Amino acid sequence: MHRTVSCDYAVVIFGELECLLDSGETRTLCQGDVLIQRGTMHKWINHSDAWARMVYVLLDAEEVEVNGQRLGEELGGMEGVPNSH
């Protein structure tokens, strides 16, 4: 799971992927589907053996604040990934 400090537009251009949120909620996206999110902990899952392709546009955004706590970027242990802001 990871979270970026950005407003993300994700477009499936080929295949099928599932977006899993830390709440346990899921959405399956197919070719042509768009997901827009900001400040959510999530991960992408490809349940098939086939390739899937997505295009992402990340726009700079303020950190999300919940009950006075700022939810900063968390890269989920991904090494070598630059910060989103």
PDB file of N, CA and C in Angstrom:
ATOM      1  N   MET A   1       0.846  -1.176   0.000  1.00  0.00           N
ATOM      2  CA  MET A   1       0.000   0.000   0.000  1.00  0.00           C
ATOM      3  C   MET A   1       0.889   1.235   0.000  1.00  0.00           C
ATOM      4  N   HIS A   2       0.384   2.258  -0.648  1.00  0.00           N
ATOM      5  CA  HIS A   2       1.110   3.519  -0.671  1.00  0.00           C
ATOM      6  C   HIS A   2       0.128   4.681  -0.777  1.00  0.00           C
ATOM      7  N   ARG A   3       0.646   5.870  -0.449  1.00  0.00           N
ATOM      8  CA  ARG A   3      -0.136   7.101  -0.556  1.00  0.00           C
ATOM      9  C   ARG A   3       0.800   8.177  -1.083  1.00  0.00           C
ATOM     10  N   THR A   4       0.311   8.974  -2.020  1.00  0.00           N
ATOM     11  CA  THR A   4       1.067  10.102  -2.518  1.00  0.00           C
ATOM     12  C   THR A   4       0.368  11.394  -2.104  1.00  0.00           C
ATOM     13  N   VAL A   5       1.139  12.469  -2.035  1.00  0.00           N
ATOM     14  CA  VAL A   5       0.574  13.782  -1.745  1.00  0.00           C
ATOM     15  C   VAL A   5       0.285  14.423  -3.104  1.00  0.00           C
ATOM     16  N   SER A   6      -0.815  13.965  -3.707  1.00  0.00           N
ATOM     17  CA  SER A   6      -1.189  14.426  -5.035  1.00  0.00           C
ATOM     18  C   SER A   6      -2.645  14.077  -5.280  1.00  0.00           C
ATOM     19  N   CYS A   7      -3.200  14.691  -6.305  1.00  0.00           N
ATOM     20  CA  CYS A   7      -4.510  14.291  -6.811  1.00  0.00           C
ATOM     21  C   CYS A   7      -4.214  13.440  -8.037  1.00  0.00           C
ATOM     22  N   ASP A   8      -4.616  12.182  -8.008  1.00  0.00           N
ATOM     23  CA  ASP A   8      -4.240  11.215  -9.041  1.00  0.00           C
ATOM     24  C   ASP A   8      -5.399  10.901  -9.964  1.00  0.00           C
ATOM     25  N   TYR A   9      -5.107  10.927 -11.253  1.00  0.00           N
ATOM     26  CA  TYR A   9      -6.033  10.455 -12.277  1.00  0.00           C
ATOM     27  C   TYR A   9      -5.401   9.208 -12.875  1.00  0.00           C
ATOM     28  N   ALA A  10      -6.086   8.075 -12.773  1.00  0.00           N
ATOM     29  CA  ALA A  10      -5.576   6.812 -13.298  1.00  0.00           C
ATOM     30  C   ALA A  10      -6.541   6.318 -14.372  1.00  0.00           C
ATOM     31  N   VAL A  11      -6.009   6.000 -15.553  1.00  0.00           N
ATOM     32  CA  VAL A  11      -6.829   5.552 -16.678  1.00  0.00           C
ATOM     33  C   VAL A  11      -6.319   4.189 -17.141  1.00  0.00           C
ATOM     34  N   VAL A  12      -7.202   3.202 -17.183  1.00  0.00           N
ATOM     35  CA  VAL A  12      -6.828   1.884 -17.691  1.00  0.00           C
ATOM     36  C   VAL A  12      -6.888   1.941 -19.215  1.00  0.00           C
ATOM     37  N   ILE A  13      -5.759   1.677 -19.859  1.00  0.00           N
ATOM     38  CA  ILE A  13      -5.751   1.693 -21.322  1.00  0.00           C
ATOM     39  C   ILE A  13      -5.746   0.285 -21.910  1.00  0.00           C
ATOM     40  N   PHE A  14      -5.451  -0.718 -21.058  1.00  0.00           N
ATOM     41  CA  PHE A  14      -5.463  -2.104 -21.528  1.00  0.00           C
ATOM     42  C   PHE A  14      -5.553  -3.022 -20.314  1.00  0.00           C
ATOM     43  N   GLY A  15      -6.406  -4.032 -20.381  1.00  0.00           N
ATOM     44  CA  GLY A  15      -6.477  -5.035 -19.319  1.00  0.00           C
ATOM     45  C   GLY A  15      -7.469  -4.675 -18.231  1.00  0.00           C
ATOM     46  N   GLU A  16      -7.252  -5.295 -17.060  1.00  0.00           N
ATOM     47  CA  GLU A  16      -8.145  -5.132 -15.922  1.00  0.00           C
ATOM     48  C   GLU A  16      -7.316  -5.146 -14.651  1.00  0.00           C
ATOM     49  N   LEU A  17      -7.571  -4.195 -13.756  1.00  0.00           N
ATOM     50  CA  LEU A  17      -6.845  -4.083 -12.494  1.00  0.00           C
ATOM     51  C   LEU A  17      -7.822  -3.785 -11.375  1.00  0.00           C
ATOM     52  N   GLU A  18      -7.456  -4.226 -10.184  1.00  0.00           N
ATOM     53  CA  GLU A  18      -8.255  -3.924  -9.005  1.00  0.00           C
ATOM     54  C   GLU A  18      -7.504  -2.914  -8.150  1.00  0.00           C
ATOM     55  N   CYS A  19      -8.223  -1.916  -7.649  1.00  0.00           N
ATOM     56  CA  CYS A  19      -7.668  -0.966  -6.695  1.00  0.00           C
ATOM     57  C   CYS A  19      -8.190  -1.354  -5.312  1.00  0.00           C
ATOM     58  N   LEU A  20      -7.273  -1.624  -4.390  1.00  0.00           N
ATOM     59  CA  LEU A  20      -7.617  -1.996  -3.024  1.00  0.00           C
ATOM     60  C   LEU A  20      -7.258  -0.838  -2.104  1.00  0.00           C
ATOM     61  N   LEU A  21      -8.230  -0.390  -1.301  1.00  0.00           N
ATOM     62  CA  LEU A  21      -7.994   0.669  -0.321  1.00  0.00           C
ATOM     63  C   LEU A  21      -7.729   0.056   1.046  1.00  0.00           C
ATOM     64  N   ASP A  22      -7.096   0.815   1.943  1.00  0.00           N
ATOM     65  CA  ASP A  22      -6.782   0.284   3.272  1.00  0.00           C
ATOM     66  C   ASP A  22      -8.034  -0.005   4.092  1.00  0.00           C
ATOM     67  N   SER A  23      -9.185   0.499   3.668  1.00  0.00           N
ATOM     68  CA  SER A  23     -10.452   0.192   4.344  1.00  0.00           C
ATOM     69  C   SER A  23     -10.968  -1.196   3.960  1.00  0.00           C
ATOM     70  N   GLY A  24     -10.343  -1.806   2.942  1.00  0.00           N
ATOM     71  CA  GLY A  24     -10.794  -3.096   2.434  1.00  0.00           C
ATOM     72  C   GLY A  24     -11.696  -2.959   1.220  1.00  0.00           C
ATOM     73  N   GLU A  25     -12.121  -1.741   0.929  1.00  0.00           N
ATOM     74  CA  GLU A  25     -12.966  -1.500  -0.242  1.00  0.00           C
ATOM     75  C   GLU A  25     -12.151  -1.713  -1.514  1.00  0.00           C
ATOM     76  N   THR A  26     -12.790  -2.278  -2.538  1.00  0.00           N
ATOM     77  CA  THR A  26     -12.113  -2.517  -3.808  1.00  0.00           C
ATOM     78  C   THR A  26     -12.956  -1.989  -4.958  1.00  0.00           C
ATOM     79  N   ARG A  27     -12.279  -1.698  -6.049  1.00  0.00           N
ATOM     80  CA  ARG A  27     -12.916  -1.352  -7.308  1.00  0.00           C
ATOM     81  C   ARG A  27     -12.127  -2.036  -8.409  1.00  0.00           C
ATOM     82  N   THR A  28     -12.837  -2.706  -9.309  1.00  0.00           N
ATOM     83  CA  THR A  28     -12.202  -3.316 -10.471  1.00  0.00           C
ATOM     84  C   THR A  28     -12.370  -2.375 -11.642  1.00  0.00           C
ATOM     85  N   LEU A  29     -11.244  -2.059 -12.282  1.00  0.00           N
ATOM     86  CA  LEU A  29     -11.251  -1.142 -13.415  1.00  0.00           C
ATOM     87  C   LEU A  29     -10.861  -1.892 -14.684  1.00  0.00           C
ATOM     88  N   CYS A  30     -11.588  -1.603 -15.754  1.00  0.00           N
ATOM     89  CA  CYS A  30     -11.355  -2.213 -17.063  1.00  0.00           C
ATOM     90  C   CYS A  30     -10.945  -1.122 -18.046  1.00  0.00           C
ATOM     91  N   GLN A  31     -10.578  -1.543 -19.242  1.00  0.00           N
ATOM     92  CA  GLN A  31     -10.140  -0.615 -20.272  1.00  0.00           C
ATOM     93  C   GLN A  31     -11.127   0.554 -20.400  1.00  0.00           C
ATOM     94  N   GLY A  32     -10.586   1.772 -20.344  1.00  0.00           N
ATOM     95  CA  GLY A  32     -11.397   2.975 -20.466  1.00  0.00           C
ATOM     96  C   GLY A  32     -11.886   3.538 -19.145  1.00  0.00           C
ATOM     97  N   ASP A  33     -11.783   2.784 -18.056  1.00  0.00           N
ATOM     98  CA  ASP A  33     -12.221   3.277 -16.747  1.00  0.00           C
ATOM     99  C   ASP A  33     -11.208   4.263 -16.175  1.00  0.00           C
ATOM    100  N   VAL A  34     -11.715   5.207 -15.384  1.00  0.00           N
ATOM    101  CA  VAL A  34     -10.889   6.242 -14.767  1.00  0.00           C
ATOM    102  C   VAL A  34     -11.128   6.228 -13.264  1.00  0.00           C
ATOM    103  N   LEU A  35     -10.060   6.346 -12.484  1.00  0.00           N
ATOM    104  CA  LEU A  35     -10.157   6.464 -11.034  1.00  0.00           C
ATOM    105  C   LEU A  35      -9.476   7.763 -10.638  1.00  0.00           C
ATOM    106  N   ILE A  36     -10.152   8.547  -9.808  1.00  0.00           N
ATOM    107  CA  ILE A  36      -9.578   9.790  -9.299  1.00  0.00           C
ATOM    108  C   ILE A  36      -9.499   9.661  -7.786  1.00  0.00           C
ATOM    109  N   GLN A  37      -8.323   9.940  -7.225  1.00  0.00           N
ATOM    110  CA  GLN A  37      -8.157   9.800  -5.778  1.00  0.00           C
ATOM    111  C   GLN A  37      -7.178  10.849  -5.272  1.00  0.00           C
ATOM    112  N   ARG A  38      -7.313  11.145  -3.991  1.00  0.00           N
ATOM    113  CA  ARG A  38      -6.399  12.088  -3.342  1.00  0.00           C
ATOM    114  C   ARG A  38      -6.154  11.638  -1.913  1.00  0.00           C
ATOM    115  N   GLY A  39      -4.908  11.324  -1.611  1.00  0.00           N
ATOM    116  CA  GLY A  39      -4.511  11.031  -0.242  1.00  0.00           C
ATOM    117  C   GLY A  39      -4.988   9.701   0.308  1.00  0.00           C
ATOM    118  N   THR A  40      -5.343   8.748  -0.545  1.00  0.00           N
ATOM    119  CA  THR A  40      -5.810   7.453  -0.057  1.00  0.00           C
ATOM    120  C   THR A  40      -4.664   6.443  -0.047  1.00  0.00           C
ATOM    121  N   MET A  41      -4.656   5.576   0.976  1.00  0.00           N
ATOM    122  CA  MET A  41      -3.735   4.441   0.985  1.00  0.00           C
ATOM    123  C   MET A  41      -4.347   3.392   0.054  1.00  0.00           C
ATOM    124  N   HIS A  42      -3.569   2.937  -0.926  1.00  0.00           N
ATOM    125  CA  HIS A  42      -4.109   2.023  -1.923  1.00  0.00           C
ATOM    126  C   HIS A  42      -3.003   1.175  -2.531  1.00  0.00           C
ATOM    127  N   LYS A  43      -3.439   0.127  -3.225  1.00  0.00           N
ATOM    128  CA  LYS A  43      -2.507  -0.635  -4.053  1.00  0.00           C
ATOM    129  C   LYS A  43      -3.278  -1.187  -5.242  1.00  0.00           C
ATOM    130  N   TRP A  44      -2.535  -1.484  -6.290  1.00  0.00           N
ATOM    131  CA  TRP A  44      -3.108  -2.024  -7.514  1.00  0.00           C
ATOM    132  C   TRP A  44      -2.796  -3.503  -7.610  1.00  0.00           C
ATOM    133  N   ILE A  45      -3.791  -4.295  -8.032  1.00  0.00           N
ATOM    134  CA  ILE A  45      -3.629  -5.747  -8.123  1.00  0.00           C
ATOM    135  C   ILE A  45      -4.094  -6.205  -9.494  1.00  0.00           C
ATOM    136  N   ASN A  46      -3.253  -6.975 -10.148  1.00  0.00           N
ATOM    137  CA  ASN A  46      -3.621  -7.621 -11.413  1.00  0.00           C
ATOM    138  C   ASN A  46      -3.857  -9.094 -11.092  1.00  0.00           C
ATOM    139  N   HIS A  47      -5.116  -9.515 -11.112  1.00  0.00           N
ATOM    140  CA  HIS A  47      -5.457 -10.891 -10.748  1.00  0.00           C
ATOM    141  C   HIS A  47      -5.276 -11.878 -11.903  1.00  0.00           C
ATOM    142  N   SER A  48      -4.944 -11.395 -13.078  1.00  0.00           N
ATOM    143  CA  SER A  48      -4.808 -12.287 -14.236  1.00  0.00           C
ATOM    144  C   SER A  48      -3.337 -12.488 -14.570  1.00  0.00           C
ATOM    145  N   ASP A  49      -3.085 -13.350 -15.528  1.00  0.00           N
ATOM    146  CA  ASP A  49      -1.726 -13.552 -16.029  1.00  0.00           C
ATOM    147  C   ASP A  49      -1.433 -12.623 -17.204  1.00  0.00           C
ATOM    148  N   ALA A  50      -2.441 -11.851 -17.622  1.00  0.00           N
ATOM    149  CA  ALA A  50      -2.296 -10.960 -18.772  1.00  0.00           C
ATOM    150  C   ALA A  50      -1.743  -9.606 -18.336  1.00  0.00           C
ATOM    151  N   TRP A  51      -1.101  -8.934 -19.270  1.00  0.00           N
ATOM    152  CA  TRP A  51      -0.593  -7.596 -19.014  1.00  0.00           C
ATOM    153  C   TRP A  51      -1.735  -6.612 -18.862  1.00  0.00           C
ATOM    154  N   ALA A  52      -1.490  -5.568 -18.101  1.00  0.00           N
ATOM    155  CA  ALA A  52      -2.404  -4.439 -17.990  1.00  0.00           C
ATOM    156  C   ALA A  52      -1.556  -3.176 -18.081  1.00  0.00           C
ATOM    157  N   ARG A  53      -2.159  -2.136 -18.633  1.00  0.00           N
ATOM    158  CA  ARG A  53      -1.448  -0.858 -18.779  1.00  0.00           C
ATOM    159  C   ARG A  53      -2.350   0.265 -18.263  1.00  0.00           C
ATOM    160  N   MET A  54      -1.706   1.204 -17.569  1.00  0.00           N
ATOM    161  CA  MET A  54      -2.436   2.369 -17.073  1.00  0.00           C
ATOM    162  C   MET A  54      -1.627   3.621 -17.354  1.00  0.00           C
ATOM    163  N   VAL A  55      -2.340   4.734 -17.439  1.00  0.00           N
ATOM    164  CA  VAL A  55      -1.726   6.053 -17.535  1.00  0.00           C
ATOM    165  C   VAL A  55      -2.103   6.798 -16.260  1.00  0.00           C
ATOM    166  N   TYR A  56      -1.125   7.434 -15.634  1.00  0.00           N
ATOM    167  CA  TYR A  56      -1.360   8.188 -14.402  1.00  0.00           C
ATOM    168  C   TYR A  56      -0.982   9.641 -14.610  1.00  0.00           C
ATOM    169  N   VAL A  57      -1.816  10.513 -14.105  1.00  0.00           N
ATOM    170  CA  VAL A  57      -1.503  11.937 -14.046  1.00  0.00           C
ATOM    171  C   VAL A  57      -1.589  12.317 -12.578  1.00  0.00           C
ATOM    172  N   LEU A  58      -0.480  12.789 -12.013  1.00  0.00           N
ATOM    173  CA  LEU A  58      -0.443  13.206 -10.611  1.00  0.00           C
ATOM    174  C   LEU A  58      -0.291  14.720 -10.559  1.00  0.00           C
ATOM    175  N   LEU A  59      -1.273  15.368  -9.934  1.00  0.00           N
ATOM    176  CA  LEU A  59      -1.249  16.817  -9.772  1.00  0.00           C
ATOM    177  C   LEU A  59      -0.892  17.147  -8.337  1.00  0.00           C
ATOM    178  N   ASP A  60      -0.038  18.136  -8.153  1.00  0.00           N
ATOM    179  CA  ASP A  60       0.371  18.546  -6.816  1.00  0.00           C
ATOM    180  C   ASP A  60      -0.858  18.917  -5.981  1.00  0.00           C
ATOM    181  N   ALA A  61      -0.865  18.498  -4.726  1.00  0.00           N
ATOM    182  CA  ALA A  61      -1.990  18.770  -3.828  1.00  0.00           C
ATOM    183  C   ALA A  61      -1.456  18.952  -2.411  1.00  0.00           C
ATOM    184  N   GLU A  62      -2.270  19.528  -1.562  1.00  0.00           N
ATOM    185  CA  GLU A  62      -1.936  19.645  -0.146  1.00  0.00           C
ATOM    186  C   GLU A  62      -2.127  18.287   0.520  1.00  0.00           C
ATOM    187  N   GLU A  63      -1.385  18.037   1.594  1.00  0.00           N
ATOM    188  CA  GLU A  63      -1.586  16.815   2.363  1.00  0.00           C
ATOM    189  C   GLU A  63      -3.005  16.784   2.918  1.00  0.00           C
ATOM    190  N   VAL A  64      -3.602  15.608   2.944  1.00  0.00           N
ATOM    191  CA  VAL A  64      -4.927  15.434   3.534  1.00  0.00           C
ATOM    192  C   VAL A  64      -4.772  15.499   5.053  1.00  0.00           C
ATOM    193  N   GLU A  65      -5.730  16.143   5.722  1.00  0.00           N
ATOM    194  CA  GLU A  65      -5.714  16.234   7.181  1.00  0.00           C
ATOM    195  C   GLU A  65      -6.995  15.611   7.723  1.00  0.00           C
ATOM    196  N   VAL A  66      -6.846  14.682   8.676  1.00  0.00           N
ATOM    197  CA  VAL A  66      -7.983  14.019   9.313  1.00  0.00           C
ATOM    198  C   VAL A  66      -7.829  14.157  10.818  1.00  0.00           C
ATOM    199  N   ASN A  67      -8.828  14.756  11.475  1.00  0.00           N
ATOM    200  CA  ASN A  67      -8.802  14.954  12.928  1.00  0.00           C
ATOM    201  C   ASN A  67      -7.506  15.600  13.399  1.00  0.00           C
ATOM    202  N   GLY A  68      -7.043  16.594  12.655  1.00  0.00           N
ATOM    203  CA  GLY A  68      -5.836  17.321  13.034  1.00  0.00           C
ATOM    204  C   GLY A  68      -4.542  16.626  12.684  1.00  0.00           C
ATOM    205  N   GLN A  69      -4.603  15.427  12.121  1.00  0.00           N
ATOM    206  CA  GLN A  69      -3.392  14.697  11.744  1.00  0.00           C
ATOM    207  C   GLN A  69      -3.196  14.778  10.244  1.00  0.00           C
ATOM    208  N   ARG A  70      -2.008  15.240   9.848  1.00  0.00           N
ATOM    209  CA  ARG A  70      -1.682  15.326   8.421  1.00  0.00           C
ATOM    210  C   ARG A  70      -1.243  13.955   7.915  1.00  0.00           C
ATOM    211  N   LEU A  71      -1.833  13.537   6.810  1.00  0.00           N
ATOM    212  CA  LEU A  71      -1.502  12.241   6.216  1.00  0.00           C
ATOM    213  C   LEU A  71      -0.516  12.467   5.078  1.00  0.00           C
ATOM    214  N   GLY A  72       0.748  12.302   5.392  1.00  0.00           N
ATOM    215  CA  GLY A  72       1.804  12.533   4.408  1.00  0.00           C
ATOM    216  C   GLY A  72       1.979  11.361   3.470  1.00  0.00           C
ATOM    217  N   GLU A  73       3.000  11.470   2.674  1.00  0.00           N
ATOM    218  CA  GLU A  73       3.299  10.437   1.698  1.00  0.00           C
ATOM    219  C   GLU A  73       3.839   9.183   2.392  1.00  0.00           C
ATOM    220  N   GLU A  74       3.393   8.033   1.939  1.00  0.00           N
ATOM    221  CA  GLU A  74       3.903   6.731   2.390  1.00  0.00           C
ATOM    222  C   GLU A  74       4.107   5.892   1.152  1.00  0.00           C
ATOM    223  N   LEU A  75       5.331   5.454   0.926  1.00  0.00           N
ATOM    224  CA  LEU A  75       5.639   4.716  -0.293  1.00  0.00           C
ATOM    225  C   LEU A  75       5.652   3.207  -0.099  1.00  0.00           C
ATOM    226  N   GLY A  76       5.247   2.743   1.059  1.00  0.00           N
ATOM    227  CA  GLY A  76       5.098   1.307   1.264  1.00  0.00           C
ATOM    228  C   GLY A  76       6.351   0.488   1.041  1.00  0.00           C
ATOM    229  N   GLY A  77       7.511   1.072   1.329  1.00  0.00           N
ATOM    230  CA  GLY A  77       8.760   0.328   1.195  1.00  0.00           C
ATOM    231  C   GLY A  77       9.331   0.295  -0.212  1.00  0.00           C
ATOM    232  N   MET A  78       8.703   0.997  -1.158  1.00  0.00           N
ATOM    233  CA  MET A  78       9.230   1.022  -2.524  1.00  0.00           C
ATOM    234  C   MET A  78      10.509   1.842  -2.531  1.00  0.00           C
ATOM    235  N   GLU A  79      11.609   1.226  -2.902  1.00  0.00           N
ATOM    236  CA  GLU A  79      12.891   1.908  -2.926  1.00  0.00           C
ATOM    237  C   GLU A  79      13.153   2.544  -4.281  1.00  0.00           C
ATOM    238  N   GLY A  80      13.800   3.697  -4.258  1.00  0.00           N
ATOM    239  CA  GLY A  80      14.159   4.358  -5.498  1.00  0.00           C
ATOM    240  C   GLY A  80      13.043   5.144  -6.149  1.00  0.00           C
ATOM    241  N   VAL A  81      11.873   5.211  -5.501  1.00  0.00           N
ATOM    242  CA  VAL A  81      10.742   5.965  -6.048  1.00  0.00           C
ATOM    243  C   VAL A  81      10.838   7.385  -5.517  1.00  0.00           C
ATOM    244  N   PRO A  82      10.867   8.380  -6.418  1.00  0.00           N
ATOM    245  CA  PRO A  82      10.947   9.756  -5.931  1.00  0.00           C
ATOM    246  C   PRO A  82       9.642  10.203  -5.298  1.00  0.00           C
ATOM    247  N   ASN A  83       9.724  11.196  -4.403  1.00  0.00           N
ATOM    248  CA  ASN A  83       8.529  11.770  -3.794  1.00  0.00           C
ATOM    249  C   ASN A  83       7.622  12.350  -4.866  1.00  0.00           C
ATOM    250  N   SER A  84       6.319  12.376  -4.591  1.00  0.00           N
ATOM    251  CA  SER A  84       5.375  12.895  -5.559  1.00  0.00           C
ATOM    252  C   SER A  84       5.273  14.413  -5.526  1.00  0.00           C
ATOM    253  N   HIS A  85       5.913  15.036  -4.558  1.00  0.00           N
ATOM    254  CA  HIS A  85       5.841  16.498  -4.457  1.00  0.00           C
ATOM    255  C   HIS A  85       7.210  17.117  -4.246  1.00  0.00           C
TER     256      HIS A  85
END
